[in-house]
Every structure is written in structure tokens, then in C-alpha cells.
Amino acid sequence: MRIEKLWVVVRPSPTSELGDICFQTDAKGLALQFKGGLDPADIHALYTSGNEAQREADRILTAFKSYEIAFEQGRRIARDEGRL
């Protein structure tokens, strides 16, 4: 089977949105992404199905944002209690 399209899901940053972490490309496009500075370590997963890629990107983006919210709440509590 020849894969002509693939979807890349990369690790989110604090300001990421779905379109920032999930994109469609092909082998040449992926090579150009690497030349442009994409670090292979930042790739979360590669998919041949756009639907699967979007579901996973949405899942990790939601998890990341939930973690960020919980972390900030913990910092506020620690600061309010004088531990920071």
C-alpha cells in the first residue's frame, strides 16, 4: 500500500489550537517540515486517517489544557497559603 497523505500530530504548547498541532502532509512535505525546524521529538503521532488524527489531537490538546489549568490552580493555592 502506498501512503500518499498522512496527518501529523505534534505536542501542544500552552498557546496551541487544534490547527497548530494537527496537519496533513505527504512525505515531501514532512521532509520540508524537518528542514524548516520541526523536531522529530515533537511529533506525537503520524496517521493515515484524518479523522483519527483530529480525534487524537483534540484529546491531547484537551488533556494539556486541563493539566495547565490544574497546575495554575495549584500554584495559586500554594501562593495563597504562603508556600511560594
N, C-alpha and C. Protein backbone atom coordinates (compact mmCIF):
# COMPACT_ATOMS: atom_id res chain seq x y z
N MET A 1 0.83 -1.17 0.00
CA MET A 1 0.00 0.00 0.00
C MET A 1 0.88 1.24 0.00
N ARG A 2 0.54 2.19 -0.83
CA ARG A 2 1.28 3.44 -0.92
C ARG A 2 0.53 4.51 -0.13
N ILE A 3 1.23 5.15 0.77
CA ILE A 3 0.64 6.22 1.56
C ILE A 3 0.92 7.54 0.85
N GLU A 4 -0.14 8.20 0.39
CA GLU A 4 0.04 9.46 -0.32
C GLU A 4 -0.18 10.66 0.60
N LYS A 5 -1.03 10.49 1.60
CA LYS A 5 -1.29 11.56 2.56
C LYS A 5 -1.08 11.01 3.95
N LEU A 6 -0.58 11.86 4.81
CA LEU A 6 -0.51 11.49 6.20
C LEU A 6 -0.80 12.71 7.04
N TRP A 7 -1.23 12.46 8.25
CA TRP A 7 -1.56 13.54 9.18
C TRP A 7 -0.57 13.45 10.33
N VAL A 8 -0.05 14.59 10.69
CA VAL A 8 0.94 14.69 11.75
C VAL A 8 0.29 15.36 12.96
N VAL A 9 0.50 14.78 14.12
CA VAL A 9 0.05 15.38 15.36
C VAL A 9 1.31 15.64 16.18
N VAL A 10 1.50 16.91 16.55
CA VAL A 10 2.68 17.29 17.33
C VAL A 10 2.26 17.66 18.75
N ARG A 11 3.21 17.69 19.63
CA ARG A 11 2.94 18.04 21.03
C ARG A 11 2.48 19.50 21.12
N PRO A 12 1.48 19.76 21.93
CA PRO A 12 0.99 21.14 22.05
C PRO A 12 1.88 22.01 22.93
N SER A 13 1.73 23.30 22.73
CA SER A 13 2.35 24.29 23.61
C SER A 13 1.22 24.99 24.35
N PRO A 14 1.53 25.84 25.30
CA PRO A 14 0.45 26.50 26.06
C PRO A 14 -0.52 27.31 25.21
N THR A 15 -0.09 27.78 24.05
CA THR A 15 -0.96 28.61 23.21
C THR A 15 -1.52 27.86 22.00
N SER A 16 -1.28 26.56 21.91
CA SER A 16 -1.70 25.79 20.74
C SER A 16 -3.21 25.68 20.60
N GLU A 17 -3.63 25.65 19.35
CA GLU A 17 -5.01 25.31 19.00
C GLU A 17 -4.94 24.08 18.11
N LEU A 18 -6.10 23.51 17.81
CA LEU A 18 -6.13 22.26 17.05
C LEU A 18 -5.35 22.36 15.74
N GLY A 19 -5.53 23.44 15.00
CA GLY A 19 -4.82 23.60 13.73
C GLY A 19 -3.32 23.72 13.86
N ASP A 20 -2.84 24.05 15.05
CA ASP A 20 -1.40 24.17 15.29
C ASP A 20 -0.74 22.81 15.48
N ILE A 21 -1.52 21.84 15.94
CA ILE A 21 -0.88 20.57 16.32
C ILE A 21 -1.27 19.40 15.42
N CYS A 22 -2.15 19.63 14.45
CA CYS A 22 -2.59 18.55 13.56
C CYS A 22 -2.63 19.09 12.14
N PHE A 23 -1.84 18.48 11.27
CA PHE A 23 -1.83 18.94 9.88
C PHE A 23 -1.62 17.78 8.91
N GLN A 24 -2.11 17.99 7.71
CA GLN A 24 -1.98 16.99 6.65
C GLN A 24 -0.76 17.32 5.80
N THR A 25 -0.06 16.30 5.37
CA THR A 25 1.10 16.49 4.51
C THR A 25 1.36 15.21 3.72
N ASP A 26 2.46 15.18 3.01
CA ASP A 26 2.92 13.97 2.34
C ASP A 26 4.40 13.80 2.70
N ALA A 27 5.06 12.82 2.13
CA ALA A 27 6.45 12.54 2.51
C ALA A 27 7.35 13.74 2.21
N LYS A 28 7.17 14.37 1.06
CA LYS A 28 7.99 15.54 0.72
C LYS A 28 7.70 16.69 1.68
N GLY A 29 6.44 16.90 1.98
CA GLY A 29 6.06 17.96 2.90
C GLY A 29 6.63 17.74 4.28
N LEU A 30 6.63 16.49 4.73
CA LEU A 30 7.19 16.18 6.04
C LEU A 30 8.70 16.45 6.05
N ALA A 31 9.37 16.09 4.97
CA ALA A 31 10.80 16.37 4.86
C ALA A 31 11.06 17.88 4.94
N LEU A 32 10.21 18.67 4.28
CA LEU A 32 10.35 20.12 4.34
C LEU A 32 10.09 20.66 5.74
N GLN A 33 9.15 20.03 6.46
CA GLN A 33 8.89 20.43 7.84
C GLN A 33 10.16 20.23 8.69
N PHE A 34 10.83 19.10 8.49
CA PHE A 34 12.07 18.84 9.23
C PHE A 34 13.14 19.87 8.86
N LYS A 35 13.27 20.17 7.58
CA LYS A 35 14.24 21.18 7.16
C LYS A 35 13.90 22.55 7.72
N GLY A 36 12.61 22.80 7.91
CA GLY A 36 12.16 24.08 8.45
C GLY A 36 12.26 24.18 9.96
N GLY A 37 12.63 23.10 10.62
CA GLY A 37 12.86 23.16 12.05
C GLY A 37 11.99 22.26 12.91
N LEU A 38 11.08 21.49 12.30
CA LEU A 38 10.28 20.57 13.10
C LEU A 38 11.21 19.52 13.71
N ASP A 39 11.17 19.41 15.01
CA ASP A 39 11.98 18.43 15.73
C ASP A 39 11.22 17.11 15.78
N PRO A 40 11.82 16.02 15.29
CA PRO A 40 11.13 14.73 15.34
C PRO A 40 10.64 14.36 16.74
N ALA A 41 11.32 14.85 17.77
CA ALA A 41 10.91 14.56 19.15
C ALA A 41 9.58 15.24 19.49
N ASP A 42 9.20 16.26 18.72
CA ASP A 42 7.93 16.96 18.97
C ASP A 42 6.74 16.27 18.32
N ILE A 43 7.00 15.26 17.50
CA ILE A 43 5.90 14.53 16.85
C ILE A 43 5.29 13.57 17.85
N HIS A 44 4.00 13.74 18.07
CA HIS A 44 3.26 12.84 18.97
C HIS A 44 2.90 11.56 18.23
N ALA A 45 2.38 11.70 16.99
CA ALA A 45 1.96 10.52 16.22
C ALA A 45 1.76 10.90 14.76
N LEU A 46 1.81 9.88 13.91
CA LEU A 46 1.50 10.01 12.48
C LEU A 46 0.31 9.12 12.17
N TYR A 47 -0.58 9.60 11.32
CA TYR A 47 -1.80 8.86 10.99
C TYR A 47 -2.03 8.85 9.49
N THR A 48 -2.71 7.82 9.03
CA THR A 48 -3.16 7.78 7.63
C THR A 48 -4.62 8.19 7.53
N SER A 49 -5.28 8.35 8.65
CA SER A 49 -6.68 8.77 8.69
C SER A 49 -6.78 10.15 9.34
N GLY A 50 -7.35 11.09 8.62
CA GLY A 50 -7.52 12.43 9.16
C GLY A 50 -8.42 12.46 10.36
N ASN A 51 -9.48 11.64 10.35
CA ASN A 51 -10.40 11.61 11.50
C ASN A 51 -9.70 11.14 12.77
N GLU A 52 -8.91 10.09 12.64
CA GLU A 52 -8.17 9.58 13.81
C GLU A 52 -7.19 10.62 14.32
N ALA A 53 -6.50 11.28 13.40
CA ALA A 53 -5.52 12.30 13.79
C ALA A 53 -6.20 13.45 14.53
N GLN A 54 -7.33 13.91 14.02
CA GLN A 54 -8.03 15.01 14.68
C GLN A 54 -8.56 14.61 16.06
N ARG A 55 -9.06 13.39 16.17
CA ARG A 55 -9.54 12.92 17.48
C ARG A 55 -8.39 12.89 18.49
N GLU A 56 -7.24 12.37 18.07
CA GLU A 56 -6.09 12.29 18.98
C GLU A 56 -5.57 13.69 19.31
N ALA A 57 -5.49 14.55 18.32
CA ALA A 57 -5.02 15.92 18.56
C ALA A 57 -5.96 16.62 19.55
N ASP A 58 -7.25 16.45 19.37
CA ASP A 58 -8.21 17.06 20.28
C ASP A 58 -8.05 16.49 21.69
N ARG A 59 -7.83 15.18 21.78
CA ARG A 59 -7.65 14.53 23.08
C ARG A 59 -6.43 15.07 23.81
N ILE A 60 -5.28 15.15 23.12
CA ILE A 60 -4.08 15.60 23.83
C ILE A 60 -4.12 17.10 24.10
N LEU A 61 -4.78 17.87 23.25
CA LEU A 61 -4.92 19.30 23.49
C LEU A 61 -5.79 19.55 24.72
N THR A 62 -6.88 18.81 24.83
CA THR A 62 -7.76 18.93 25.99
C THR A 62 -7.02 18.51 27.26
N ALA A 63 -6.28 17.42 27.20
CA ALA A 63 -5.52 16.94 28.36
C ALA A 63 -4.46 17.96 28.76
N PHE A 64 -3.78 18.53 27.79
CA PHE A 64 -2.73 19.50 28.06
C PHE A 64 -3.32 20.74 28.73
N LYS A 65 -4.43 21.23 28.19
CA LYS A 65 -5.06 22.43 28.76
C LYS A 65 -5.59 22.15 30.17
N SER A 66 -6.14 20.96 30.39
CA SER A 66 -6.61 20.58 31.73
C SER A 66 -5.45 20.55 32.71
N TYR A 67 -4.32 20.02 32.28
CA TYR A 67 -3.12 19.99 33.12
C TYR A 67 -2.67 21.41 33.45
N GLU A 68 -2.64 22.26 32.44
CA GLU A 68 -2.22 23.65 32.65
C GLU A 68 -3.13 24.35 33.67
N ILE A 69 -4.43 24.15 33.56
CA ILE A 69 -5.39 24.76 34.49
C ILE A 69 -5.15 24.24 35.90
N ALA A 70 -5.00 22.93 36.05
CA ALA A 70 -4.77 22.34 37.37
C ALA A 70 -3.45 22.83 37.97
N PHE A 71 -2.43 22.95 37.15
CA PHE A 71 -1.13 23.42 37.62
C PHE A 71 -1.24 24.86 38.14
N GLU A 72 -1.91 25.71 37.37
CA GLU A 72 -2.07 27.10 37.79
C GLU A 72 -2.91 27.20 39.07
N GLN A 73 -3.93 26.38 39.19
CA GLN A 73 -4.74 26.38 40.42
C GLN A 73 -3.89 25.97 41.62
N GLY A 74 -3.05 24.97 41.42
CA GLY A 74 -2.15 24.53 42.49
C GLY A 74 -1.18 25.63 42.89
N ARG A 75 -0.66 26.36 41.92
CA ARG A 75 0.25 27.48 42.21
C ARG A 75 -0.45 28.57 43.01
N ARG A 76 -1.70 28.87 42.60
CA ARG A 76 -2.46 29.90 43.31
C ARG A 76 -2.71 29.49 44.77
N ILE A 77 -3.08 28.24 44.97
CA ILE A 77 -3.32 27.75 46.33
C ILE A 77 -2.04 27.82 47.16
N ALA A 78 -0.94 27.36 46.57
CA ALA A 78 0.35 27.40 47.30
C ALA A 78 0.75 28.83 47.61
N ARG A 79 0.54 29.74 46.66
CA ARG A 79 0.87 31.14 46.89
C ARG A 79 0.00 31.73 47.99
N ASP A 80 -1.31 31.43 47.94
CA ASP A 80 -2.24 31.93 48.95
C ASP A 80 -1.91 31.39 50.34
N GLU A 81 -1.37 30.19 50.40
CA GLU A 81 -1.03 29.59 51.69
C GLU A 81 0.39 29.96 52.13
N GLY A 82 1.06 30.78 51.30
CA GLY A 82 2.39 31.24 51.66
C GLY A 82 3.50 30.25 51.39
N ARG A 83 3.24 29.25 50.57
CA ARG A 83 4.28 28.26 50.28
C ARG A 83 5.12 28.66 49.07
N LEU A 84 4.72 29.69 48.36
CA LEU A 84 5.51 30.17 47.22
C LEU A 84 5.95 31.59 47.45
